[in-house]
N, C-alpha and C. Protein backbone atom coordinates (compact mmCIF):
# COMPACT_ATOMS: atom_id res chain seq x y z
N MET A 1 69.44 124.02 109.87
CA MET A 1 68.13 123.36 109.74
C MET A 1 66.99 124.57 110.07
N THR A 2 65.95 124.40 109.09
CA THR A 2 64.81 125.48 109.38
C THR A 2 63.95 124.60 110.20
N ARG A 3 63.03 125.44 110.96
CA ARG A 3 61.83 125.00 111.77
C ARG A 3 61.03 124.05 110.96
N GLU A 4 60.95 124.11 109.81
CA GLU A 4 60.11 123.20 109.05
C GLU A 4 60.71 121.87 108.65
N GLU A 5 62.06 122.01 108.33
CA GLU A 5 62.77 120.68 108.42
C GLU A 5 62.86 119.98 109.63
N LEU A 6 63.06 120.77 110.76
CA LEU A 6 63.11 120.04 112.18
C LEU A 6 61.94 119.28 112.43
N MET A 7 60.48 120.03 112.03
CA MET A 7 59.22 119.27 112.08
C MET A 7 59.18 118.13 111.43
N GLN A 8 59.74 118.17 110.11
CA GLN A 8 59.64 116.93 109.30
C GLN A 8 60.58 115.76 109.80
N ASP A 9 61.64 116.04 110.50
CA ASP A 9 62.45 115.00 110.84
C ASP A 9 61.95 114.56 112.10
N LEU A 10 61.23 115.19 113.11
CA LEU A 10 60.41 114.91 114.26
C LEU A 10 59.22 113.77 113.80
N ALA A 11 58.59 114.24 112.83
CA ALA A 11 57.50 113.65 112.44
C ALA A 11 57.99 112.25 111.96
N TYR A 12 58.99 112.23 111.24
CA TYR A 12 59.70 110.99 110.51
C TYR A 12 60.23 110.12 111.74
N ALA A 13 60.61 110.83 112.76
CA ALA A 13 61.04 109.97 113.99
C ALA A 13 60.19 109.37 114.83
N ARG A 14 59.08 109.97 114.94
CA ARG A 14 57.71 109.44 115.46
C ARG A 14 57.22 108.34 114.70
N THR A 15 57.21 108.33 113.39
CA THR A 15 56.74 107.36 112.62
C THR A 15 57.52 105.85 112.92
N LEU A 16 58.70 106.21 112.70
CA LEU A 16 59.64 104.88 113.01
C LEU A 16 59.42 104.46 114.51
N ALA A 17 59.41 105.26 115.55
CA ALA A 17 59.28 104.97 116.83
C ALA A 17 57.78 104.17 116.91
N GLU A 18 56.65 104.65 116.40
CA GLU A 18 55.60 104.10 116.44
C GLU A 18 55.44 102.46 115.70
N GLU A 19 56.53 102.53 114.66
CA GLU A 19 56.59 101.13 114.08
C GLU A 19 57.70 100.35 114.45
N GLY A 20 58.36 100.81 115.77
CA GLY A 20 59.33 100.01 116.64
C GLY A 20 60.59 99.86 115.61
N ARG A 21 60.91 100.73 114.89
CA ARG A 21 62.15 100.87 114.10
C ARG A 21 63.13 101.92 114.57
N HIS A 22 64.37 101.75 114.23
CA HIS A 22 65.32 102.60 114.38
C HIS A 22 65.59 103.44 113.28
N ALA A 23 65.78 104.81 113.42
CA ALA A 23 66.02 105.86 112.05
C ALA A 23 67.26 105.13 111.42
N PRO A 24 67.20 105.08 109.97
CA PRO A 24 68.27 104.63 109.50
C PRO A 24 69.50 105.59 109.23
N LEU A 25 70.57 105.33 109.30
CA LEU A 25 71.74 106.15 109.29
C LEU A 25 72.00 106.83 107.96
N LEU A 26 72.52 107.97 107.79
CA LEU A 26 72.84 108.59 106.48
C LEU A 26 74.16 108.76 106.07
N GLY A 27 75.09 108.03 106.69
CA GLY A 27 76.42 108.28 106.18
C GLY A 27 77.02 107.15 105.47
N GLY A 28 76.11 106.35 104.67
CA GLY A 28 76.52 105.28 103.67
C GLY A 28 77.19 106.07 102.51
N ALA A 29 76.73 107.00 102.18
CA ALA A 29 77.25 107.52 100.88
C ALA A 29 78.93 108.15 101.31
N TYR A 30 79.04 108.71 102.23
CA TYR A 30 80.32 109.12 102.88
C TYR A 30 81.34 107.87 102.95
N LEU A 31 80.90 106.92 103.54
CA LEU A 31 81.61 105.76 103.70
C LEU A 31 81.92 105.11 102.25
N MET A 32 81.10 105.11 101.39
CA MET A 32 81.26 104.53 100.22
C MET A 32 82.32 105.47 99.30
N PHE A 33 82.14 106.59 99.49
CA PHE A 33 82.96 107.67 98.86
C PHE A 33 84.43 107.39 99.11
N TRP A 34 84.57 107.58 100.49
CA TRP A 34 85.77 107.61 101.00
C TRP A 34 86.51 106.34 100.84
N GLY A 35 85.85 104.89 100.86
CA GLY A 35 86.34 103.82 100.84
C GLY A 35 86.95 103.46 99.35
N VAL A 36 86.17 104.02 98.46
CA VAL A 36 86.49 103.69 97.07
C VAL A 36 87.53 104.71 96.62
N LEU A 37 87.79 106.10 97.09
CA LEU A 37 88.49 106.73 96.94
C LEU A 37 90.00 106.67 97.44
N ASN A 38 89.96 106.13 98.60
CA ASN A 38 91.23 105.78 99.21
C ASN A 38 91.86 104.49 98.51
N ALA A 39 90.88 103.55 98.02
CA ALA A 39 91.39 102.49 97.46
C ALA A 39 92.09 102.76 96.12
N LEU A 40 91.46 103.41 95.45
CA LEU A 40 92.09 104.04 94.12
C LEU A 40 93.45 104.94 94.41
N ALA A 41 93.53 105.71 95.28
CA ALA A 41 94.65 106.57 95.78
C ALA A 41 95.71 105.63 96.07
N PHE A 42 95.49 104.59 97.07
CA PHE A 42 96.47 103.58 97.36
C PHE A 42 97.22 102.65 96.26
N SER A 43 96.15 102.22 95.33
CA SER A 43 96.42 101.48 94.34
C SER A 43 97.43 102.08 93.18
N LEU A 44 97.12 103.46 93.13
CA LEU A 44 97.74 104.22 92.01
C LEU A 44 99.19 104.57 92.60
N HIS A 45 99.26 104.71 93.95
CA HIS A 45 100.38 104.96 94.76
C HIS A 45 101.51 103.87 94.59
N ARG A 46 100.94 102.66 94.82
CA ARG A 46 101.56 101.48 94.64
C ARG A 46 101.97 101.25 93.35
N ALA A 47 101.32 101.37 92.30
CA ALA A 47 101.86 101.13 91.06
C ALA A 47 102.73 102.24 90.48
N ALA A 48 102.81 103.52 91.00
CA ALA A 48 103.90 104.45 90.81
C ALA A 48 105.15 104.12 91.55
N LEU A 49 105.07 103.34 92.58
CA LEU A 49 106.23 102.96 93.45
C LEU A 49 107.01 101.74 92.42
N ALA A 50 105.98 100.82 91.97
CA ALA A 50 106.51 99.85 91.15
C ALA A 50 106.84 100.14 89.82
N GLY A 51 106.93 101.40 89.31
CA GLY A 51 107.39 101.82 87.98
C GLY A 51 106.26 101.54 87.12
N GLN A 52 105.19 101.26 87.51
CA GLN A 52 104.10 101.02 86.54
C GLN A 52 103.43 102.31 85.81
N LEU A 53 103.82 103.22 86.44
CA LEU A 53 103.10 104.57 86.06
C LEU A 53 104.17 105.54 85.52
N PRO A 54 103.98 106.29 84.53
CA PRO A 54 104.99 107.43 84.19
C PRO A 54 105.49 108.30 85.47
N GLU A 55 106.89 108.42 85.54
CA GLU A 55 107.59 109.37 86.56
C GLU A 55 107.20 110.85 86.54
N LEU A 56 106.87 111.33 85.33
CA LEU A 56 106.55 112.59 85.23
C LEU A 56 107.68 113.43 85.81
N ASN A 57 108.66 113.24 85.82
CA ASN A 57 110.07 113.86 86.36
C ASN A 57 109.82 113.93 87.96
N GLY A 58 109.10 112.82 88.35
CA GLY A 58 109.08 112.96 90.11
C GLY A 58 107.98 113.40 90.71
N TRP A 59 107.16 114.13 89.42
CA TRP A 59 105.82 114.65 90.06
C TRP A 59 104.61 113.45 90.08
N ILE A 60 104.78 112.37 89.68
CA ILE A 60 103.55 111.45 89.69
C ILE A 60 103.05 111.42 91.12
N PHE A 61 103.74 111.24 92.20
CA PHE A 61 103.08 111.13 93.61
C PHE A 61 102.37 112.43 93.89
N ALA A 62 102.86 113.69 93.54
CA ALA A 62 102.40 114.99 93.96
C ALA A 62 101.04 114.89 93.01
N LEU A 63 101.06 114.27 91.91
CA LEU A 63 99.90 114.50 90.83
C LEU A 63 98.75 113.51 91.62
N ILE A 64 99.23 112.33 91.99
CA ILE A 64 98.06 111.47 92.70
C ILE A 64 97.26 112.04 93.79
N TRP A 65 98.38 112.68 94.69
CA TRP A 65 97.66 113.06 95.91
C TRP A 65 96.90 114.36 95.70
N ALA A 66 97.32 115.29 94.78
CA ALA A 66 96.73 116.55 94.54
C ALA A 66 95.28 116.15 93.81
N GLY A 67 95.32 115.29 92.97
CA GLY A 67 94.10 114.89 92.44
C GLY A 67 93.03 114.21 93.54
N TYR A 68 93.74 113.54 94.52
CA TYR A 68 93.01 112.92 95.60
C TYR A 68 92.40 114.28 96.52
N GLY A 69 93.26 115.06 96.64
CA GLY A 69 92.40 116.09 97.37
C GLY A 69 91.40 117.10 96.52
N VAL A 70 91.49 117.13 95.31
CA VAL A 70 90.29 117.88 94.65
C VAL A 70 89.10 117.17 94.42
N ILE A 71 89.35 115.73 94.25
CA ILE A 71 88.33 114.95 94.06
C ILE A 71 87.55 114.68 95.53
N ALA A 72 88.20 114.73 96.53
CA ALA A 72 87.87 114.53 97.96
C ALA A 72 87.18 116.05 98.31
N GLY A 73 87.37 117.21 97.95
CA GLY A 73 86.90 118.24 98.03
C GLY A 73 85.55 118.44 97.45
N MET A 74 85.56 118.14 96.19
CA MET A 74 84.09 118.02 95.34
C MET A 74 83.32 116.97 95.75
N GLY A 75 83.89 116.02 96.12
CA GLY A 75 82.88 114.76 96.51
C GLY A 75 82.16 115.01 97.76
N MET A 76 82.75 115.77 98.86
CA MET A 76 82.13 116.14 100.07
C MET A 76 81.22 117.25 99.75
N TYR A 77 81.45 118.29 99.05
CA TYR A 77 80.58 119.18 98.68
C TYR A 77 79.10 118.69 98.19
N ALA A 78 79.28 117.85 97.13
CA ALA A 78 78.44 116.90 96.74
C ALA A 78 77.38 116.13 97.81
N LEU A 79 78.23 115.48 98.57
CA LEU A 79 77.73 114.76 99.58
C LEU A 79 76.93 115.51 100.48
N ARG A 80 77.32 116.63 101.08
CA ARG A 80 76.61 117.58 101.72
C ARG A 80 75.15 118.05 101.08
N GLN A 81 75.42 118.28 99.80
CA GLN A 81 74.09 118.81 99.30
C GLN A 81 73.24 117.65 99.27
N ARG A 82 73.67 116.47 98.99
CA ARG A 82 72.55 115.20 98.93
C ARG A 82 72.07 115.08 100.25
N MET A 83 72.82 115.24 101.22
CA MET A 83 72.41 115.16 102.81
C MET A 83 71.25 116.03 103.01
N CYS A 84 71.28 117.26 102.50
CA CYS A 84 70.16 118.00 102.64
C CYS A 84 68.73 117.61 102.33
N GLU A 85 68.64 116.73 101.40
CA GLU A 85 67.61 116.28 100.85
C GLU A 85 66.97 115.05 101.60
N LYS A 86 67.71 114.52 102.56
CA LYS A 86 67.18 113.29 103.22
C LYS A 86 66.56 113.61 104.68
N PRO A 87 65.56 112.89 104.91
CA PRO A 87 64.96 113.27 106.15
C PRO A 87 65.75 112.45 107.38
N GLY A 88 65.30 112.79 108.47
CA GLY A 88 65.92 112.25 109.80
C GLY A 88 67.13 112.58 109.99
N ARG A 89 67.71 113.70 109.57
CA ARG A 89 68.87 114.31 110.02
C ARG A 89 68.84 114.77 111.38
N ALA A 90 67.82 114.91 112.05
CA ALA A 90 67.77 115.40 113.40
C ALA A 90 67.72 114.19 114.46
N THR A 91 67.49 112.96 113.93
CA THR A 91 67.46 111.88 114.97
C THR A 91 68.78 111.63 115.68
N ILE A 92 68.64 111.02 116.69
CA ILE A 92 69.94 111.00 117.68
C ILE A 92 70.79 109.81 117.02
N GLY A 93 70.49 108.84 116.46
CA GLY A 93 71.42 107.98 115.71
C GLY A 93 72.24 108.69 114.49
N VAL A 94 71.66 109.48 113.76
CA VAL A 94 72.19 110.31 112.76
C VAL A 94 73.27 111.37 113.20
N ARG A 95 72.44 112.15 114.25
CA ARG A 95 73.34 113.22 115.06
C ARG A 95 74.62 112.65 115.51
N ALA A 96 74.49 111.41 116.24
CA ALA A 96 75.64 110.62 116.88
C ALA A 96 76.78 110.27 115.79
N GLU A 97 76.27 109.75 114.70
CA GLU A 97 77.03 109.38 113.54
C GLU A 97 77.85 110.59 113.05
N ARG A 98 77.02 111.49 112.80
CA ARG A 98 78.01 112.86 112.26
C ARG A 98 78.74 113.28 113.08
N ALA A 99 78.75 113.33 114.49
CA ALA A 99 79.64 113.86 115.60
C ALA A 99 80.72 112.97 115.63
N VAL A 100 80.38 111.67 115.57
CA VAL A 100 81.59 110.48 115.78
C VAL A 100 82.49 110.61 114.56
N TRP A 101 82.02 110.52 113.31
CA TRP A 101 82.86 110.68 112.11
C TRP A 101 83.40 112.09 111.96
N GLY A 102 82.99 113.06 112.26
CA GLY A 102 83.52 114.50 112.52
C GLY A 102 84.82 114.43 113.17
N GLY A 103 84.71 113.99 114.42
CA GLY A 103 85.85 113.68 115.38
C GLY A 103 86.87 112.89 114.76
N ALA A 104 86.51 111.66 114.33
CA ALA A 104 87.47 110.85 113.53
C ALA A 104 88.16 111.30 112.27
N GLY A 105 87.52 112.27 111.80
CA GLY A 105 88.11 112.99 110.40
C GLY A 105 89.32 113.93 111.15
N ILE A 106 88.99 114.64 112.08
CA ILE A 106 90.08 115.60 112.80
C ILE A 106 90.95 114.92 113.32
N ALA A 107 90.94 113.71 114.03
CA ALA A 107 92.04 112.96 114.50
C ALA A 107 93.03 112.46 113.35
N LEU A 108 92.07 112.08 112.23
CA LEU A 108 93.09 111.44 110.97
C LEU A 108 93.53 112.66 110.53
N LEU A 109 93.10 113.83 110.58
CA LEU A 109 93.82 114.82 109.61
C LEU A 109 95.11 115.26 110.69
N ALA A 110 95.07 115.09 111.79
CA ALA A 110 96.26 115.50 112.57
C ALA A 110 97.30 114.47 112.59
N VAL A 111 96.91 113.15 112.15
CA VAL A 111 97.97 112.16 111.80
C VAL A 111 98.63 112.49 110.57
N VAL A 112 97.63 112.65 109.54
CA VAL A 112 98.48 112.91 108.24
C VAL A 112 99.22 114.03 108.26
N ILE A 113 98.90 115.34 108.91
CA ILE A 113 99.73 116.44 108.78
C ILE A 113 100.90 116.23 109.48
N GLY A 114 100.90 115.45 110.71
CA GLY A 114 102.16 115.25 111.64
C GLY A 114 103.07 114.38 110.80
N SER A 115 102.53 113.20 109.94
CA SER A 115 103.39 112.33 109.38
C SER A 115 103.99 112.90 108.07
N LEU A 116 103.45 113.86 107.30
CA LEU A 116 103.84 114.59 106.35
C LEU A 116 104.86 115.65 106.66
N ALA A 117 104.65 116.21 107.65
CA ALA A 117 105.47 117.23 108.22
C ALA A 117 106.79 116.39 108.69
N ARG A 118 106.77 115.30 109.25
CA ARG A 118 107.94 114.53 109.54
C ARG A 118 108.83 114.33 108.57
N MET A 119 107.87 113.85 107.35
CA MET A 119 108.71 113.44 106.17
C MET A 119 109.40 114.45 105.45
N LEU A 120 108.76 115.83 105.55
CA LEU A 120 109.73 117.13 105.13
C LEU A 120 110.87 117.32 106.00
N MET A 121 110.72 117.31 107.39
CA MET A 121 111.76 117.97 108.46
C MET A 121 112.83 116.53 108.29
N THR A 122 112.53 115.58 108.31
CA THR A 122 113.58 114.45 108.36
C THR A 122 114.16 113.85 107.00
N ASN A 123 113.29 114.19 105.78
CA ASN A 123 113.71 113.61 104.83
C ASN A 123 113.36 112.14 104.51
N ASP A 124 112.47 111.50 105.59
CA ASP A 124 112.21 110.22 105.68
C ASP A 124 110.95 109.90 104.79
N PRO A 125 111.30 109.19 103.58
CA PRO A 125 110.04 108.97 102.51
C PRO A 125 108.88 107.97 103.26
N THR A 126 109.56 107.04 104.21
CA THR A 126 108.51 106.25 104.88
C THR A 126 107.75 106.78 105.92
N ALA A 127 107.99 108.04 106.22
CA ALA A 127 106.87 108.41 107.18
C ALA A 127 105.52 108.45 107.02
N PRO A 128 104.90 108.76 105.78
CA PRO A 128 103.39 108.67 105.59
C PRO A 128 102.85 107.22 105.95
N ASN A 129 103.79 106.25 105.90
CA ASN A 129 103.35 104.90 106.17
C ASN A 129 102.59 104.94 107.46
N ALA A 130 103.03 105.71 108.34
CA ALA A 130 102.35 105.45 109.64
C ALA A 130 100.89 105.92 109.92
N ILE A 131 100.56 106.55 108.60
CA ILE A 131 99.00 106.92 108.60
C ILE A 131 98.11 105.61 108.63
N PHE A 132 98.95 104.44 107.93
CA PHE A 132 97.74 103.43 107.42
C PHE A 132 97.35 102.81 108.98
N GLY A 133 98.10 102.40 109.60
CA GLY A 133 97.64 101.80 110.95
C GLY A 133 96.93 102.74 112.03
N ALA A 134 97.15 103.83 111.93
CA ALA A 134 96.31 104.94 112.75
C ALA A 134 94.85 105.09 111.99
N ALA A 135 94.96 105.32 110.62
CA ALA A 135 93.63 105.47 110.02
C ALA A 135 92.71 104.30 110.26
N PHE A 136 93.28 103.18 110.17
CA PHE A 136 92.21 101.95 110.47
C PHE A 136 91.67 101.66 111.96
N ALA A 137 92.71 102.13 112.85
CA ALA A 137 92.41 102.11 114.32
C ALA A 137 91.32 103.10 114.35
N ILE A 138 91.38 104.44 113.70
CA ILE A 138 90.46 105.56 113.98
C ILE A 138 89.19 105.03 113.54
N TYR A 139 89.07 104.49 112.05
CA TYR A 139 87.97 103.98 111.66
C TYR A 139 87.11 102.94 112.54
N GLY A 140 87.91 102.12 112.92
CA GLY A 140 87.31 101.01 113.80
C GLY A 140 86.74 101.62 115.15
N ALA A 141 87.44 102.62 115.66
CA ALA A 141 86.85 103.21 116.78
C ALA A 141 85.39 103.85 116.58
N ALA A 142 85.57 104.40 115.32
CA ALA A 142 84.25 105.32 114.90
C ALA A 142 83.10 104.24 114.70
N LEU A 143 83.34 103.08 114.12
CA LEU A 143 82.45 102.07 113.65
C LEU A 143 81.78 101.69 114.96
N PHE A 144 82.84 101.46 116.01
CA PHE A 144 82.42 100.96 117.32
C PHE A 144 81.47 101.75 118.13
N ALA A 145 81.83 103.30 118.04
CA ALA A 145 81.13 104.23 118.58
C ALA A 145 79.56 104.32 117.95
N VAL A 146 79.62 104.31 116.64
CA VAL A 146 78.35 104.44 115.93
C VAL A 146 77.43 103.23 115.97
N ALA A 147 78.07 102.34 115.96
CA ALA A 147 77.37 100.82 116.39
C ALA A 147 76.42 100.97 117.78
N ALA A 148 77.19 101.48 118.59
CA ALA A 148 76.43 101.53 119.99
C ALA A 148 75.61 102.49 120.15
N LEU A 149 75.99 103.83 119.64
CA LEU A 149 75.07 104.81 119.81
C LEU A 149 73.86 104.49 119.06
N SER A 150 73.70 104.01 117.84
CA SER A 150 72.81 104.04 117.13
C SER A 150 72.19 102.56 117.25
N GLU A 151 72.61 101.66 117.97
CA GLU A 151 72.16 100.47 118.10
C GLU A 151 72.18 99.44 116.71
N GLN A 152 73.22 99.73 115.97
CA GLN A 152 73.46 99.10 114.76
C GLN A 152 74.47 98.02 115.08
N GLY A 153 73.94 96.85 115.70
CA GLY A 153 74.97 95.70 116.24
C GLY A 153 75.98 95.24 115.05
N TRP A 154 75.23 95.25 113.73
CA TRP A 154 76.22 94.61 112.59
C TRP A 154 77.41 95.50 112.42
N MET A 155 77.24 96.48 112.53
CA MET A 155 78.55 97.35 112.36
C MET A 155 79.84 96.89 113.22
N ARG A 156 79.63 96.21 114.15
CA ARG A 156 80.59 95.91 114.98
C ARG A 156 81.83 94.90 114.30
N ARG A 157 81.29 94.06 113.46
CA ARG A 157 81.92 93.31 112.80
C ARG A 157 82.99 94.05 111.88
N PHE A 158 82.39 95.01 111.22
CA PHE A 158 83.31 95.97 110.46
C PHE A 158 84.29 96.71 111.26
N ALA A 159 84.01 97.04 112.42
CA ALA A 159 84.89 97.89 113.54
C ALA A 159 86.03 96.84 113.76
N TRP A 160 85.70 95.43 114.19
CA TRP A 160 86.61 94.60 114.51
C TRP A 160 87.73 94.28 113.13
N LEU A 161 87.23 94.24 112.18
CA LEU A 161 87.83 94.15 110.73
C LEU A 161 88.88 95.06 110.78
N SER A 162 88.35 96.42 110.92
CA SER A 162 89.21 97.57 110.70
C SER A 162 90.31 97.65 111.92
N ILE A 163 89.89 97.41 112.96
CA ILE A 163 91.14 97.22 114.03
C ILE A 163 92.17 95.95 113.54
N GLY A 164 91.70 94.83 112.87
CA GLY A 164 92.54 94.05 112.58
C GLY A 164 93.52 94.44 111.49
N PHE A 165 93.09 95.44 110.56
CA PHE A 165 93.76 95.75 109.57
C PHE A 165 94.92 96.86 110.01
N GLY A 166 94.31 97.68 110.84
CA GLY A 166 95.40 98.76 111.41
C GLY A 166 96.48 98.04 112.31
N LEU A 167 96.04 96.82 113.12
CA LEU A 167 97.00 96.14 113.61
C LEU A 167 98.14 95.59 112.63
N THR A 168 97.75 95.15 111.70
CA THR A 168 98.51 94.61 110.79
C THR A 168 99.37 95.51 110.02
N LEU A 169 98.70 96.67 109.70
CA LEU A 169 99.60 97.78 109.01
C LEU A 169 100.69 98.46 109.77
N CYS A 170 100.17 98.65 111.14
CA CYS A 170 101.32 98.83 112.06
C CYS A 170 102.53 98.11 112.04
N LEU A 171 102.31 96.67 111.78
CA LEU A 171 103.46 95.77 111.99
C LEU A 171 104.21 95.94 110.53
N PHE A 172 103.54 96.05 109.36
CA PHE A 172 104.14 95.97 108.20
C PHE A 172 104.02 97.12 107.25
N ALA A 173 103.93 98.00 107.85
CA ALA A 173 103.77 99.52 107.26
C ALA A 173 104.54 99.67 106.18
N ASN A 174 105.87 99.42 106.19
CA ASN A 174 106.87 99.70 105.19
C ASN A 174 107.12 98.53 104.10
N ASP A 175 106.51 97.41 104.38
CA ASP A 175 106.37 96.34 103.27
C ASP A 175 105.81 96.84 101.76
N ASP A 176 106.18 96.21 100.83
CA ASP A 176 105.91 96.49 99.49
C ASP A 176 104.33 96.37 99.42
N TRP A 177 103.62 95.51 100.03
CA TRP A 177 102.17 95.01 99.88
C TRP A 177 101.30 95.81 100.64
N ALA A 178 101.96 96.71 101.52
CA ALA A 178 101.02 97.50 102.39
C ALA A 178 99.73 98.42 101.75
N TYR A 179 100.38 98.98 100.54
CA TYR A 179 99.49 99.83 99.87
C TYR A 179 98.38 99.05 99.24
N ILE A 180 98.64 98.04 98.75
CA ILE A 180 97.46 97.06 98.15
C ILE A 180 96.57 96.65 99.32
N TYR A 181 97.30 96.09 100.60
CA TYR A 181 96.34 95.50 101.62
C TYR A 181 95.62 96.81 101.96
N ALA A 182 96.11 97.92 102.23
CA ALA A 182 95.36 98.95 102.65
C ALA A 182 94.14 99.50 101.72
N ALA A 183 94.53 99.34 100.50
CA ALA A 183 93.12 99.40 99.51
C ALA A 183 92.00 98.39 99.55
N ILE A 184 92.60 97.15 99.92
CA ILE A 184 91.39 96.22 100.10
C ILE A 184 90.84 96.48 101.49
N GLY A 185 91.61 96.85 102.42
CA GLY A 185 90.89 97.39 103.79
C GLY A 185 89.91 98.57 103.46
N SER A 186 90.34 99.36 103.00
CA SER A 186 89.48 100.64 102.53
C SER A 186 88.03 100.09 101.90
N LEU A 187 87.86 99.06 101.06
CA LEU A 187 86.92 98.54 100.37
C LEU A 187 85.97 97.85 101.45
N LEU A 188 86.51 97.20 102.12
CA LEU A 188 85.92 96.31 103.04
C LEU A 188 85.59 97.02 104.30
N VAL A 189 86.02 97.75 104.91
CA VAL A 189 85.54 98.47 106.15
C VAL A 189 84.93 99.70 105.87
N LEU A 190 85.02 100.46 104.77
CA LEU A 190 84.45 101.62 104.64
C LEU A 190 83.16 101.35 103.55
N ALA A 191 83.60 101.00 102.19
CA ALA A 191 82.87 101.05 101.26
C ALA A 191 81.67 99.75 101.39
N TRP A 192 82.16 98.72 102.02
CA TRP A 192 80.96 97.77 102.02
C TRP A 192 80.12 98.01 103.01
N PRO A 193 80.38 98.59 104.53
CA PRO A 193 79.18 98.95 105.17
C PRO A 193 78.55 100.28 104.62
N GLY A 194 79.32 101.05 104.02
CA GLY A 194 78.52 102.01 103.16
C GLY A 194 77.45 101.56 102.13
N ALA A 195 77.77 100.58 101.71
CA ALA A 195 76.96 100.14 100.51
C ALA A 195 75.53 99.56 101.36
N ILE A 196 75.88 99.05 102.48
CA ILE A 196 74.64 98.20 103.05
C ILE A 196 73.84 99.72 103.65
N LEU A 197 74.50 100.70 104.27
CA LEU A 197 73.65 101.80 104.69
C LEU A 197 72.86 102.64 103.77
N LEU A 198 73.65 102.76 102.51
CA LEU A 198 72.85 103.15 101.51
C LEU A 198 71.62 102.52 101.00
N LYS A 199 71.49 101.21 101.13
CA LYS A 199 70.47 100.63 100.78
C LYS A 199 69.29 100.72 101.89
N ARG A 200 69.79 101.03 102.96
CA ARG A 200 68.57 101.34 103.98
C ARG A 200 68.16 102.62 104.30
N GLU A 201 68.84 103.63 103.40
CA GLU A 201 68.48 105.02 103.56
C GLU A 201 67.04 105.37 103.04
N PRO A 202 66.34 106.24 103.90
CA PRO A 202 65.08 106.72 103.31
C PRO A 202 65.39 107.69 102.29
N SER A 203 64.17 107.79 101.37
CA SER A 203 63.99 108.66 100.15
C SER A 203 63.23 109.48 100.35
N ALA A 204 62.23 109.43 101.27
CA ALA A 204 61.09 110.38 101.75
C ALA A 204 60.80 110.04 103.04
N ILE A 205 59.94 110.96 103.84
CA ILE A 205 59.46 110.94 104.97
C ILE A 205 58.12 109.67 105.00
N VAL A 206 58.19 108.77 105.83
CA VAL A 206 57.36 107.59 105.69
C VAL A 206 56.13 107.60 106.88
């Protein structure tokens, strides 16, 4: 961040303080993106399990998740470019939001790598199902932290909802409906609050 951008953010924060408002968070687009992408991937995986998609000689699952990785990488690049155009990146709430979700992403990556490694080492095809419960628990913890640090109390409802999804998916991770349930959960606890945050984002310094 350049000195000019920092000064603009400080001016933006000062304006908000004078008006008695909290700086809007800037993670809405990220939550929306991951909520929709996860829901789509989970739904396609379930369809493949149910034989509703071509098997492609056993490559259908690899194709789904390889496509997921490509779209995720492209999406994150586009979102970072978009973030550079937004004011308020130096405010405490936005910095806390970025740090919390950054830590959550690292924790979730560890769970994903560990689960996939276990699948390869033990030949257990159900091993990745353990990701579900852990993912929603991590989402819930991140939402709680962001809500507290940014004083956005409405986010706590989504945090509790995410914890509830995590609990249920830990109990029923290997059931047939778990993927669809996880897809619905992704839309409710990520995409929905993401849409709310997007509506509140600033487009310019006020």
